[in-house]
Amino acid sequence: MKHLYLALLLSLCAQAVFAQNQPSRATPKVKTKPPLPPKEFDAMIIQDITYTIAGESTPTSGLKIDVTKPEATVSGAFPTPNLAWADFISFDLKAGATNGNINLLKGYTSVNTGFEFRPALHYIPAVNKAKYGSGENAKTNAILVNARHDITLANKKASRDSLLMMALLRDHHLSKVESIPPVIPADSAVTPQQKKILIHFIETYTKKTNLGLSEASSVDTILAKAPVADTITTVEKGKSHKDIKPGTFLGKLVDDYAKRAKQHKNLDKNTSAELIKNAADIWTQKNYFWITVSPFARSTKLELYHTQFENKDSSYIKSEYKFFFGLTGYLNFYRVNVNKRAHFFRLGVTAAKDNNLNTLNSFNYENTRPFYAYGTNVTVKTKEGTAYNEKALHTGLVGQFNVDYYNLPLNSFVPGFYISSTVNLGNVYNLNDFVGRENDSFVLGLEGGPVLNIKSREKDKDKNILSILLYLRYEDLTDQRRTSKESRQLEPIEDFRKRNLSVGLRLGIPITLPQRSS
């Protein structure tokens, strides 16, 4: 019997121990709040995108200069919180100097002068994600960030309560001045915490303490301790005027309210920026996707060589302005492994009215005319320039597909790289003056090179102070040396290389047009 009792006792003890080691099925699993509310997460996405990849030719917003050509591009981006169909807008304004160059579509055509304006609407679908660690580390990060958020939101509430109570006190003080209406409803509910703030303001402006007030006091009782600006009526030229009686006006109260009201206009914006800043250090990876629609207009000035002019054979060079326009759509993918590497990938489709200038050979000319003569001495005026055969220049509908990829190391002096490919389609590329090229309608371009972003040494070390991009451009991989139908001669290899190969340098100087807050 003893053995049976001992066995039963051991069995009960074992069951008790086993039961303590099991997870409680009744205990609900606590779900950690994400480190950013949806509104601030969307604002962070817009902030990252607009700051990092607003420009077209280099991964920076601001001023871009192509040293080789020369040309300059100013880029900028702005959040649009009030538009349902666009999360932010951006623009590129591009201009080339006299006898310089300007870009076509994505930027590879030599002309003399001109400009291009390219606004863009960007829509960010609700599919973007960001990682802030894994497992328990992610939970810890989220808990700490939300603790910071609690402080930020408490400060926001205190700031709003202070403004409301100052407005209430200001309205009470000016209640006899009929020309100054109240700024808050008279029946606004006041919490005990707000009553404490109201009492503090009354003690501050009256320089009196121990007024016998507490949060249990009614609002009317509290306001009864605050002075009211009195009025006096004066009569001038038969007309009566009501003014504030000297000695009864608390000017500092009214001025302080005006200052707080002005600051309050940016309270929501500043709070969102602080919430984003609270979580800035925890992100390990960000994955963004957005859609871009970009119309553009471009004007260029060309020097065209006319073999016939007004139905007569000639050797006439004439300056002409050409206007082109189009529409581009992009799918953009941006992935950042924080403090390691950023990847930017973009697919684009363009339809445009354009020309085939990038497939033509240019030639340099020199035009000399007498300027001044004295005896046998003649002074001449010489004009030099670059011209294109007007007969070979075609204008029409052009389609373009382009793929861009940037690979950029972060927090490193090691340069990144980019590669870009364009496919142009259109009958404007027919080369009717060359043997076997009459049906050409396909141009495949390729460009690439290293990218170096130089970081700021100041406190905001995530900003670039300069982006340097060295590029090699091959205009048309399908092109071959051309044989003229007229002369039956194969073009020199130098002309082929000049038309297709180019090396250049672009400098990007960031100018963050919106501040780095939503």
Protein backbone atom coordinates (compact mmCIF):
# COMPACT_ATOMS: atom_id res chain seq x y z
CA MET A 1 0.00 0.00 0.00
CA LYS A 2 2.89 2.33 0.78
CA HIS A 3 4.39 1.68 -2.63
CA LEU A 4 1.05 2.38 -4.31
CA TYR A 5 0.63 5.64 -2.39
CA LEU A 6 4.22 6.72 -3.21
CA ALA A 7 3.71 5.97 -6.91
CA LEU A 8 0.47 7.95 -6.93
CA LEU A 9 2.16 10.91 -5.21
CA LEU A 10 5.06 10.92 -7.70
CA SER A 11 2.58 10.78 -10.57
CA LEU A 12 0.68 13.82 -9.27
CA CYS A 13 3.92 15.78 -8.76
CA ALA A 14 5.08 14.96 -12.28
CA GLN A 15 1.77 16.15 -13.72
CA ALA A 16 2.05 19.41 -11.76
CA VAL A 17 5.60 20.05 -12.99
CA PHE A 18 4.64 19.21 -16.60
CA ALA A 19 1.67 21.55 -16.44
CA GLN A 20 3.87 24.51 -15.32
CA ASN A 21 6.20 24.02 -18.27
CA GLN A 22 3.41 24.30 -20.89
CA PRO A 23 2.50 27.60 -22.45
CA SER A 24 -0.77 28.97 -21.23
CA ARG A 25 -3.40 28.61 -23.95
CA ALA A 26 -5.52 31.23 -22.22
CA THR A 27 -2.81 33.93 -22.41
CA PRO A 28 -3.31 36.05 -25.56
CA LYS A 29 -0.28 36.75 -27.73
CA VAL A 30 0.71 40.41 -27.50
CA LYS A 31 1.15 42.00 -30.92
CA THR A 32 3.75 44.76 -31.09
CA LYS A 33 2.68 47.97 -32.80
CA PRO A 34 4.64 48.79 -35.97
CA PRO A 35 7.29 51.51 -35.53
CA LEU A 36 5.42 54.02 -37.72
CA PRO A 37 1.71 54.75 -38.21
CA PRO A 38 0.50 54.38 -41.84
CA LYS A 39 0.44 58.14 -42.45
CA GLU A 40 4.04 58.63 -41.31
CA PHE A 41 5.21 55.50 -43.13
CA ASP A 42 3.82 56.94 -46.38
CA ALA A 43 5.51 60.25 -45.60
CA MET A 44 8.84 58.46 -45.07
CA ILE A 45 8.49 56.76 -48.45
CA ILE A 46 7.87 60.08 -50.19
CA GLN A 47 10.76 61.67 -48.29
CA ASP A 48 13.18 58.91 -49.27
CA ILE A 49 12.14 58.86 -52.91
CA THR A 50 12.07 62.61 -53.49
CA TYR A 51 15.42 63.15 -51.76
CA THR A 52 17.25 60.28 -53.40
CA ILE A 53 16.04 59.86 -56.97
CA ALA A 54 14.24 62.99 -58.07
CA GLY A 55 16.52 63.71 -61.01
CA GLU A 56 16.64 61.78 -64.27
CA SER A 57 20.29 61.47 -65.23
CA THR A 58 21.95 61.11 -61.83
CA PRO A 59 20.53 59.74 -58.58
CA THR A 60 20.17 63.09 -56.88
CA SER A 61 17.82 66.02 -56.70
CA GLY A 62 19.24 69.42 -57.46
CA LEU A 63 21.57 70.79 -60.13
CA LYS A 64 23.23 68.48 -62.67
CA ILE A 65 25.91 69.65 -65.07
CA ASP A 66 27.23 67.67 -68.02
CA VAL A 67 30.80 68.95 -68.21
CA THR A 68 31.44 67.35 -71.59
CA LYS A 69 28.61 68.96 -73.55
CA PRO A 70 27.93 71.37 -71.64
CA GLU A 71 24.38 71.30 -70.34
CA ALA A 72 22.66 71.86 -67.03
CA THR A 73 19.56 70.36 -65.43
CA VAL A 74 17.68 71.63 -62.39
CA SER A 75 15.52 69.00 -60.68
CA GLY A 76 13.14 69.15 -57.76
CA ALA A 77 10.33 67.23 -56.06
CA PHE A 78 7.40 68.23 -53.86
CA PRO A 79 4.96 66.12 -51.80
CA THR A 80 1.28 66.62 -52.75
CA PRO A 81 -0.79 65.54 -49.73
CA ASN A 82 -4.02 66.97 -51.15
CA LEU A 83 -3.98 65.02 -54.43
CA ALA A 84 -5.62 61.59 -54.48
CA TRP A 85 -4.02 60.55 -57.79
CA ALA A 86 -0.42 61.65 -57.11
CA ASP A 87 1.72 61.36 -53.98
CA PHE A 88 4.36 63.80 -55.17
CA ILE A 89 5.34 65.75 -58.25
CA SER A 90 8.78 66.45 -59.66
CA PHE A 91 10.32 68.32 -62.54
CA ASP A 92 13.44 68.46 -64.67
CA LEU A 93 14.35 71.70 -66.45
CA LYS A 94 17.20 71.11 -68.85
CA ALA A 95 19.06 73.69 -70.94
CA GLY A 96 22.16 73.67 -73.13
CA ALA A 97 24.47 76.59 -73.79
CA THR A 98 25.07 78.15 -77.19
CA ASN A 99 27.04 75.73 -79.41
CA GLY A 100 26.50 73.19 -76.65
CA ASN A 101 24.04 70.33 -76.38
CA ILE A 102 20.73 69.23 -74.99
CA ASN A 103 19.14 65.82 -74.41
CA LEU A 104 16.50 64.00 -76.43
CA LEU A 105 13.98 61.77 -74.63
CA LYS A 106 16.54 60.43 -72.14
CA GLY A 107 19.26 62.65 -73.33
CA TYR A 108 21.55 61.65 -76.12
CA THR A 109 21.18 64.06 -79.05
CA SER A 110 23.60 66.79 -80.09
CA VAL A 111 22.02 70.10 -81.09
CA ASN A 112 23.00 73.71 -80.71
CA THR A 113 20.70 75.32 -78.15
CA GLY A 114 17.38 74.62 -76.50
CA PHE A 115 15.54 73.49 -73.41
CA GLU A 116 13.48 70.61 -72.13
CA PHE A 117 10.82 70.79 -69.42
CA ARG A 118 9.66 67.51 -67.91
CA PRO A 119 7.14 67.55 -65.04
CA ALA A 120 6.19 64.20 -63.52
CA LEU A 121 3.38 62.81 -61.40
CA HIS A 122 4.32 59.96 -59.07
CA TYR A 123 1.83 57.51 -57.54
CA ILE A 124 2.89 55.18 -54.71
CA PRO A 125 0.70 52.04 -54.34
CA ALA A 126 0.11 50.59 -50.89
CA VAL A 127 2.53 47.68 -51.41
CA ASN A 128 5.73 49.15 -49.99
CA LYS A 129 7.51 47.57 -47.04
CA ALA A 130 10.43 48.20 -44.73
CA LYS A 131 12.20 45.83 -42.34
CA TYR A 132 13.44 46.79 -38.88
CA GLY A 133 15.23 43.63 -37.76
CA SER A 134 13.97 40.11 -37.23
CA GLY A 135 12.48 38.10 -34.39
CA GLU A 136 12.88 39.48 -30.88
CA ASN A 137 15.23 42.20 -32.13
CA ALA A 138 12.45 43.63 -34.31
CA LYS A 139 10.01 43.56 -31.39
CA THR A 140 12.51 45.35 -29.16
CA ASN A 141 13.13 48.02 -31.80
CA ALA A 142 9.41 48.60 -32.25
CA ILE A 143 8.80 48.85 -28.49
CA LEU A 144 11.59 51.40 -28.00
CA VAL A 145 10.47 53.50 -30.96
CA ASN A 146 6.85 53.50 -29.80
CA ALA A 147 8.04 54.68 -26.39
CA ARG A 148 9.66 57.66 -28.14
CA HIS A 149 6.44 58.17 -30.07
CA ASP A 150 4.49 58.34 -26.80
CA ILE A 151 6.68 61.25 -25.68
CA THR A 152 6.32 63.01 -29.05
CA LEU A 153 2.53 62.63 -29.07
CA ALA A 154 2.30 63.75 -25.44
CA ASN A 155 4.26 66.89 -26.33
CA LYS A 156 1.92 67.48 -29.27
CA LYS A 157 -1.12 67.18 -27.01
CA ALA A 158 0.43 69.52 -24.44
CA SER A 159 1.18 72.06 -27.17
CA ARG A 160 -2.38 71.86 -28.49
CA ASP A 161 -3.88 72.10 -24.98
CA SER A 162 -1.72 75.14 -24.24
CA LEU A 163 -2.92 76.87 -27.40
CA LEU A 164 -6.57 76.12 -26.61
CA MET A 165 -6.30 77.42 -23.06
CA MET A 166 -4.45 80.53 -24.18
CA ALA A 167 -7.18 81.09 -26.77
CA LEU A 168 -9.83 80.65 -24.07
CA LEU A 169 -8.05 83.14 -21.82
CA ARG A 170 -7.57 85.57 -24.70
CA ASP A 171 -11.28 85.36 -25.64
CA HIS A 172 -12.27 86.02 -22.01
CA HIS A 173 -9.88 88.95 -21.75
CA LEU A 174 -11.27 90.57 -24.93
CA SER A 175 -14.92 89.61 -24.35
CA LYS A 176 -16.04 93.26 -24.03
CA VAL A 177 -14.36 94.26 -27.28
CA GLU A 178 -17.14 93.48 -29.73
CA SER A 179 -15.00 93.97 -32.85
CA ILE A 180 -12.71 91.07 -31.85
CA PRO A 181 -14.63 87.76 -32.13
CA PRO A 182 -13.64 84.67 -30.09
CA VAL A 183 -11.40 82.06 -31.73
CA ILE A 184 -12.88 78.96 -30.05
CA PRO A 185 -16.51 77.99 -29.31
CA ALA A 186 -17.78 79.13 -25.92
CA ASP A 187 -19.09 75.65 -25.05
CA SER A 188 -15.82 73.80 -25.73
CA ALA A 189 -15.24 70.97 -23.22
CA VAL A 190 -12.25 71.53 -20.92
CA THR A 191 -10.43 68.59 -19.31
CA PRO A 192 -8.89 68.70 -15.79
CA GLN A 193 -5.38 68.79 -17.33
CA GLN A 194 -6.38 71.75 -19.49
CA LYS A 195 -7.74 73.51 -16.39
CA LYS A 196 -4.28 73.20 -14.79
CA ILE A 197 -2.76 74.86 -17.85
CA LEU A 198 -5.39 77.62 -17.76
CA ILE A 199 -4.67 78.30 -14.07
CA HIS A 200 -0.93 78.44 -14.82
CA PHE A 201 -1.48 81.05 -17.55
CA ILE A 202 -3.68 83.21 -15.29
CA GLU A 203 -1.06 83.11 -12.52
CA THR A 204 1.66 83.98 -15.08
CA TYR A 205 -0.07 86.97 -16.67
CA THR A 206 -1.56 88.38 -13.44
CA LYS A 207 1.64 87.65 -11.49
CA LYS A 208 -0.53 86.27 -8.68
CA THR A 209 -0.33 82.87 -7.01
CA ASN A 210 -2.46 81.06 -4.45
CA LEU A 211 -5.67 82.02 -6.21
CA GLY A 212 -7.47 79.09 -4.60
CA LEU A 213 -8.06 77.36 -7.93
CA SER A 214 -7.70 73.70 -8.91
CA GLU A 215 -8.73 71.34 -11.68
CA ALA A 216 -11.90 70.70 -9.69
CA SER A 217 -12.94 74.34 -10.15
CA SER A 218 -15.37 75.19 -12.91
CA VAL A 219 -14.14 77.04 -15.99
CA ASP A 220 -16.23 80.09 -15.07
CA THR A 221 -14.68 80.15 -11.59
CA ILE A 222 -11.18 79.97 -13.04
CA LEU A 223 -11.81 82.67 -15.65
CA ALA A 224 -13.33 84.94 -12.99
CA LYS A 225 -9.78 85.36 -11.62
CA ALA A 226 -8.55 86.66 -14.98
CA PRO A 227 -8.76 90.36 -15.87
CA VAL A 228 -11.05 91.58 -18.64
CA ALA A 229 -10.02 94.43 -20.89
CA ASP A 230 -12.41 97.32 -20.29
CA THR A 231 -13.65 99.67 -22.98
CA ILE A 232 -14.32 103.37 -23.20
CA THR A 233 -16.47 105.28 -25.67
CA THR A 234 -15.21 108.47 -27.25
CA VAL A 235 -17.08 110.87 -29.53
CA GLU A 236 -15.23 112.55 -32.38
CA LYS A 237 -16.90 114.70 -35.04
CA GLY A 238 -20.29 113.41 -34.04
CA LYS A 239 -19.26 109.75 -34.30
CA SER A 240 -18.73 107.45 -31.33
CA HIS A 241 -15.80 105.01 -31.11
CA LYS A 242 -15.27 102.19 -28.63
CA ASP A 243 -11.64 101.62 -27.63
CA ILE A 244 -9.81 99.54 -25.03
CA LYS A 245 -9.33 101.42 -21.78
CA PRO A 246 -5.64 102.09 -21.04
CA GLY A 247 -4.24 100.04 -18.17
CA THR A 248 -6.66 97.12 -18.61
CA PHE A 249 -5.10 95.48 -21.69
CA LEU A 250 -2.75 92.47 -21.36
CA GLY A 251 -0.75 92.97 -24.56
CA LYS A 252 1.69 90.15 -23.79
CA LEU A 253 -1.19 87.64 -23.59
CA VAL A 254 -2.51 88.65 -26.99
CA ASP A 255 0.98 88.64 -28.55
CA ASP A 256 1.87 85.25 -27.04
CA TYR A 257 -1.35 83.77 -28.39
CA ALA A 258 -0.58 85.08 -31.89
CA LYS A 259 2.89 83.49 -31.76
CA ARG A 260 1.54 80.14 -30.55
CA ALA A 261 -1.21 80.15 -33.18
CA LYS A 262 1.39 80.70 -35.90
CA GLN A 263 3.57 77.85 -34.59
CA HIS A 264 0.52 75.60 -34.32
CA LYS A 265 -0.01 75.68 -38.09
CA ASN A 266 3.04 73.40 -38.50
CA LEU A 267 2.32 71.23 -35.45
CA ASP A 268 1.02 68.20 -37.39
CA LYS A 269 3.80 68.47 -39.96
CA ASN A 270 6.52 68.79 -37.33
CA THR A 271 5.07 65.93 -35.29
CA SER A 272 5.07 63.63 -38.33
CA ALA A 273 8.69 64.58 -39.04
CA GLU A 274 9.66 63.79 -35.44
CA LEU A 275 7.90 60.40 -35.56
CA ILE A 276 9.86 59.54 -38.71
CA LYS A 277 13.07 60.68 -37.02
CA ASN A 278 12.29 58.54 -33.95
CA ALA A 279 12.36 55.43 -36.14
CA ALA A 280 15.20 56.48 -38.46
CA ASP A 281 17.88 54.30 -36.85
CA ILE A 282 16.03 50.96 -36.76
CA TRP A 283 15.42 50.27 -40.46
CA THR A 284 17.49 47.49 -42.00
CA GLN A 285 15.88 47.31 -45.45
CA LYS A 286 13.42 49.39 -47.46
CA ASN A 287 11.61 48.20 -50.59
CA TYR A 288 9.74 50.82 -52.60
CA PHE A 289 7.70 50.73 -55.79
CA TRP A 290 6.00 53.64 -57.52
CA ILE A 291 4.52 54.64 -60.88
CA THR A 292 5.48 57.77 -62.80
CA VAL A 293 3.71 59.59 -65.65
CA SER A 294 5.76 62.36 -67.23
CA PRO A 295 4.79 64.62 -70.15
CA PHE A 296 7.57 66.70 -71.64
CA ALA A 297 8.19 69.49 -74.13
CA ARG A 298 11.46 70.32 -75.82
CA SER A 299 12.71 73.07 -78.07
CA THR A 300 15.96 72.92 -80.04
CA LYS A 301 17.81 75.22 -82.38
CA LEU A 302 19.46 73.51 -85.35
CA GLU A 303 21.84 74.67 -88.04
CA LEU A 304 20.56 72.92 -91.18
CA TYR A 305 22.40 72.63 -94.48
CA HIS A 306 20.01 72.98 -97.45
CA THR A 307 21.13 71.42 -100.75
CA GLN A 308 17.99 72.97 -102.25
CA PHE A 309 16.28 76.13 -101.10
CA GLU A 310 13.14 77.56 -102.72
CA ASN A 311 13.42 74.88 -105.47
CA LYS A 312 16.94 75.95 -106.39
CA ASP A 313 20.25 74.17 -105.86
CA SER A 314 22.09 75.88 -103.04
CA SER A 315 24.62 75.59 -100.26
CA TYR A 316 22.53 77.43 -97.72
CA ILE A 317 22.86 77.05 -93.94
CA LYS A 318 19.85 78.23 -91.99
CA SER A 319 19.11 78.30 -88.26
CA GLU A 320 15.76 76.71 -87.43
CA TYR A 321 13.90 76.06 -84.19
CA LYS A 322 12.17 72.72 -83.73
CA PHE A 323 9.56 71.89 -81.10
CA PHE A 324 8.91 68.37 -79.83
CA PHE A 325 6.72 66.81 -77.15
CA GLY A 326 5.82 63.43 -75.71
CA LEU A 327 4.64 61.33 -72.77
CA THR A 328 6.62 58.82 -70.69
CA GLY A 329 5.47 56.19 -68.21
CA TYR A 330 7.82 54.55 -65.68
CA LEU A 331 7.70 51.63 -63.27
CA ASN A 332 10.24 52.34 -60.51
CA PHE A 333 11.77 49.88 -58.04
CA TYR A 334 14.03 51.07 -55.23
CA ARG A 335 15.63 48.83 -52.62
CA VAL A 336 17.90 50.06 -49.84
CA ASN A 337 19.91 47.80 -47.56
CA VAL A 338 20.56 50.46 -44.94
CA ASN A 339 24.24 51.41 -44.50
CA LYS A 340 25.18 48.90 -47.20
CA ARG A 341 23.83 49.33 -50.73
CA ALA A 342 20.99 50.87 -52.72
CA HIS A 343 19.49 49.49 -55.93
CA PHE A 344 17.34 51.50 -58.32
CA PHE A 345 15.66 49.83 -61.29
CA ARG A 346 13.34 51.52 -63.77
CA LEU A 347 11.34 50.47 -66.84
CA GLY A 348 10.05 53.19 -69.14
CA VAL A 349 7.87 53.59 -72.24
CA THR A 350 7.74 56.82 -74.26
CA ALA A 351 5.67 58.06 -77.18
CA ALA A 352 6.85 61.31 -78.73
CA LYS A 353 6.99 63.55 -81.73
CA ASP A 354 10.71 63.54 -82.44
CA ASN A 355 13.43 63.35 -85.06
CA ASN A 356 16.39 61.19 -86.05
CA LEU A 357 19.11 63.70 -85.21
CA ASN A 358 21.06 61.22 -83.08
CA THR A 359 21.59 58.96 -86.11
CA LEU A 360 22.96 61.70 -88.40
CA ASN A 361 26.50 62.81 -89.05
CA SER A 362 27.23 66.44 -88.36
CA PHE A 363 29.88 68.56 -90.03
CA ASN A 364 31.72 71.67 -88.98
CA TYR A 365 31.53 74.72 -91.20
CA GLU A 366 33.22 78.09 -91.43
CA ASN A 367 31.45 81.06 -92.98
CA THR A 368 33.67 84.03 -93.93
CA ARG A 369 32.50 87.45 -95.09
CA PRO A 370 34.35 90.75 -95.62
CA PHE A 371 34.09 93.02 -92.62
CA TYR A 372 36.48 95.91 -93.33
CA ALA A 373 38.82 96.78 -96.21
CA TYR A 374 41.62 99.33 -96.42
CA GLY A 375 43.73 99.27 -99.54
CA THR A 376 44.97 95.74 -100.04
CA ASN A 377 44.20 94.76 -96.42
CA VAL A 378 40.87 93.01 -95.90
CA THR A 379 39.44 92.15 -92.47
CA VAL A 380 36.96 89.30 -92.55
CA LYS A 381 34.30 88.14 -90.09
CA THR A 382 34.28 84.37 -89.54
CA LYS A 383 31.41 82.30 -88.14
CA GLU A 384 32.04 78.70 -87.14
CA GLY A 385 29.40 76.13 -86.32
CA THR A 386 28.02 72.62 -86.64
CA ALA A 387 25.33 71.78 -89.18
CA TYR A 388 23.22 68.82 -90.31
CA ASN A 389 21.89 67.86 -93.72
CA GLU A 390 18.32 69.17 -93.82
CA LYS A 391 17.31 66.54 -96.37
CA ALA A 392 18.35 63.68 -94.05
CA LEU A 393 16.49 65.07 -91.01
CA HIS A 394 13.18 63.26 -90.48
CA THR A 395 10.45 64.12 -87.96
CA GLY A 396 7.60 61.87 -86.85
CA LEU A 397 6.20 59.58 -84.17
CA VAL A 398 8.87 57.78 -82.14
CA GLY A 399 8.41 55.06 -79.55
CA GLN A 400 11.02 54.35 -76.92
CA PHE A 401 11.60 51.64 -74.31
CA ASN A 402 14.28 52.15 -71.70
CA VAL A 403 15.75 50.22 -68.79
CA ASP A 404 17.89 51.85 -66.09
CA TYR A 405 19.75 50.27 -63.18
CA TYR A 406 21.80 52.00 -60.47
CA ASN A 407 23.88 50.12 -57.89
CA LEU A 408 25.10 52.52 -55.21
CA PRO A 409 27.20 51.59 -52.14
CA LEU A 410 26.22 53.50 -48.99
CA ASN A 411 28.65 54.99 -46.45
CA SER A 412 31.58 53.97 -48.63
CA PHE A 413 34.09 55.66 -50.90
CA VAL A 414 33.81 52.71 -53.29
CA PRO A 415 31.98 53.96 -56.40
CA GLY A 416 28.79 52.38 -57.60
CA PHE A 417 27.76 51.94 -61.20
CA TYR A 418 24.82 52.37 -63.50
CA ILE A 419 23.74 50.96 -66.85
CA SER A 420 21.02 52.28 -69.13
CA SER A 421 19.65 50.92 -72.38
CA THR A 422 17.19 52.52 -74.82
CA VAL A 423 15.31 51.09 -77.77
CA ASN A 424 13.90 53.66 -80.22
CA LEU A 425 11.34 52.66 -82.85
CA GLY A 426 10.04 54.74 -85.76
CA ASN A 427 10.17 55.39 -89.48
CA VAL A 428 12.15 58.57 -88.80
CA TYR A 429 15.23 56.32 -88.61
CA ASN A 430 14.97 55.28 -92.29
CA LEU A 431 18.28 56.10 -94.01
CA ASN A 432 17.18 56.55 -97.61
CA ASP A 433 20.52 57.96 -98.79
CA PHE A 434 22.51 54.87 -97.81
CA VAL A 435 22.69 51.42 -99.37
CA GLY A 436 20.56 48.81 -97.59
CA ARG A 437 19.42 51.19 -94.83
CA GLU A 438 16.11 52.35 -96.30
CA ASN A 439 14.03 50.28 -93.87
CA ASP A 440 15.95 51.07 -90.69
CA SER A 441 13.48 51.73 -87.87
CA PHE A 442 15.28 50.38 -84.81
CA VAL A 443 17.94 52.11 -82.70
CA LEU A 444 19.48 50.36 -79.68
CA GLY A 445 21.51 52.57 -77.36
CA LEU A 446 23.60 51.60 -74.34
CA GLU A 447 25.17 53.76 -71.66
CA GLY A 448 26.91 53.07 -68.38
CA GLY A 449 29.66 54.01 -66.01
CA PRO A 450 30.75 54.49 -62.39
CA VAL A 451 28.84 56.67 -59.92
CA LEU A 452 30.49 58.24 -56.87
CA ASN A 453 28.44 59.96 -54.18
CA ILE A 454 30.49 62.14 -51.83
CA LYS A 455 28.91 62.37 -48.38
CA SER A 456 28.67 65.39 -46.14
CA ARG A 457 31.06 65.56 -43.18
CA GLU A 458 28.54 67.61 -41.22
CA LYS A 459 26.00 66.30 -38.73
CA ASP A 460 23.61 65.18 -41.47
CA LYS A 461 25.96 62.56 -42.89
CA ASP A 462 23.32 60.81 -44.98
CA LYS A 463 23.29 63.71 -47.45
CA ASN A 464 25.37 63.78 -50.61
CA ILE A 465 27.22 67.00 -51.30
CA LEU A 466 28.31 65.90 -54.77
CA SER A 467 27.52 63.09 -57.20
CA ILE A 468 30.04 62.30 -59.94
CA LEU A 469 29.00 60.15 -62.88
CA LEU A 470 31.42 59.16 -65.65
CA TYR A 471 29.61 57.65 -68.61
CA LEU A 472 30.39 55.85 -71.86
CA ARG A 473 27.63 56.04 -74.46
CA TYR A 474 27.16 53.85 -77.54
CA GLU A 475 24.41 55.48 -79.59
CA ASP A 476 23.26 52.53 -81.72
CA LEU A 477 24.53 48.98 -81.29
CA THR A 478 22.77 47.98 -84.55
CA ASP A 479 24.52 50.64 -86.63
CA GLN A 480 27.18 49.83 -89.23
CA ARG A 481 29.44 51.90 -91.43
CA ARG A 482 27.29 53.42 -94.14
CA THR A 483 27.72 53.39 -97.93
CA SER A 484 26.39 56.42 -99.77
CA LYS A 485 24.07 55.71 -102.71
CA GLU A 486 25.38 58.80 -104.49
CA SER A 487 29.13 58.28 -104.18
CA ARG A 488 29.15 54.51 -103.50
CA GLN A 489 31.86 55.15 -100.92
CA LEU A 490 32.03 53.60 -97.46
CA GLU A 491 32.09 56.22 -94.75
CA PRO A 492 35.37 56.69 -92.80
CA ILE A 493 35.65 54.79 -89.54
CA GLU A 494 36.20 58.13 -87.77
CA ASP A 495 32.70 59.32 -88.79
CA PHE A 496 31.17 56.07 -87.55
CA ARG A 497 32.88 56.40 -84.17
CA LYS A 498 32.04 60.09 -83.84
CA ARG A 499 28.36 59.32 -84.45
CA ASN A 500 28.10 56.40 -82.03
CA LEU A 501 30.72 56.71 -79.29
CA SER A 502 30.90 59.38 -76.60
CA VAL A 503 32.43 59.73 -73.15
CA GLY A 504 31.19 62.30 -70.66
CA LEU A 505 31.15 63.49 -67.08
CA ARG A 506 28.11 64.63 -65.10
CA LEU A 507 28.25 66.42 -61.76
CA GLY A 508 25.24 66.42 -59.44
CA ILE A 509 24.86 69.06 -56.72
CA PRO A 510 21.93 68.17 -54.44
CA ILE A 511 19.39 70.91 -53.74
CA THR A 512 16.62 69.49 -51.56
CA LEU A 513 13.68 71.65 -52.59
CA PRO A 514 11.26 70.36 -50.00
CA GLN A 515 12.86 70.04 -46.59
CA ARG A 516 13.35 66.48 -45.45
CA SER A 517 9.96 66.22 -43.86
CA SER A 518 6.56 65.41 -45.19
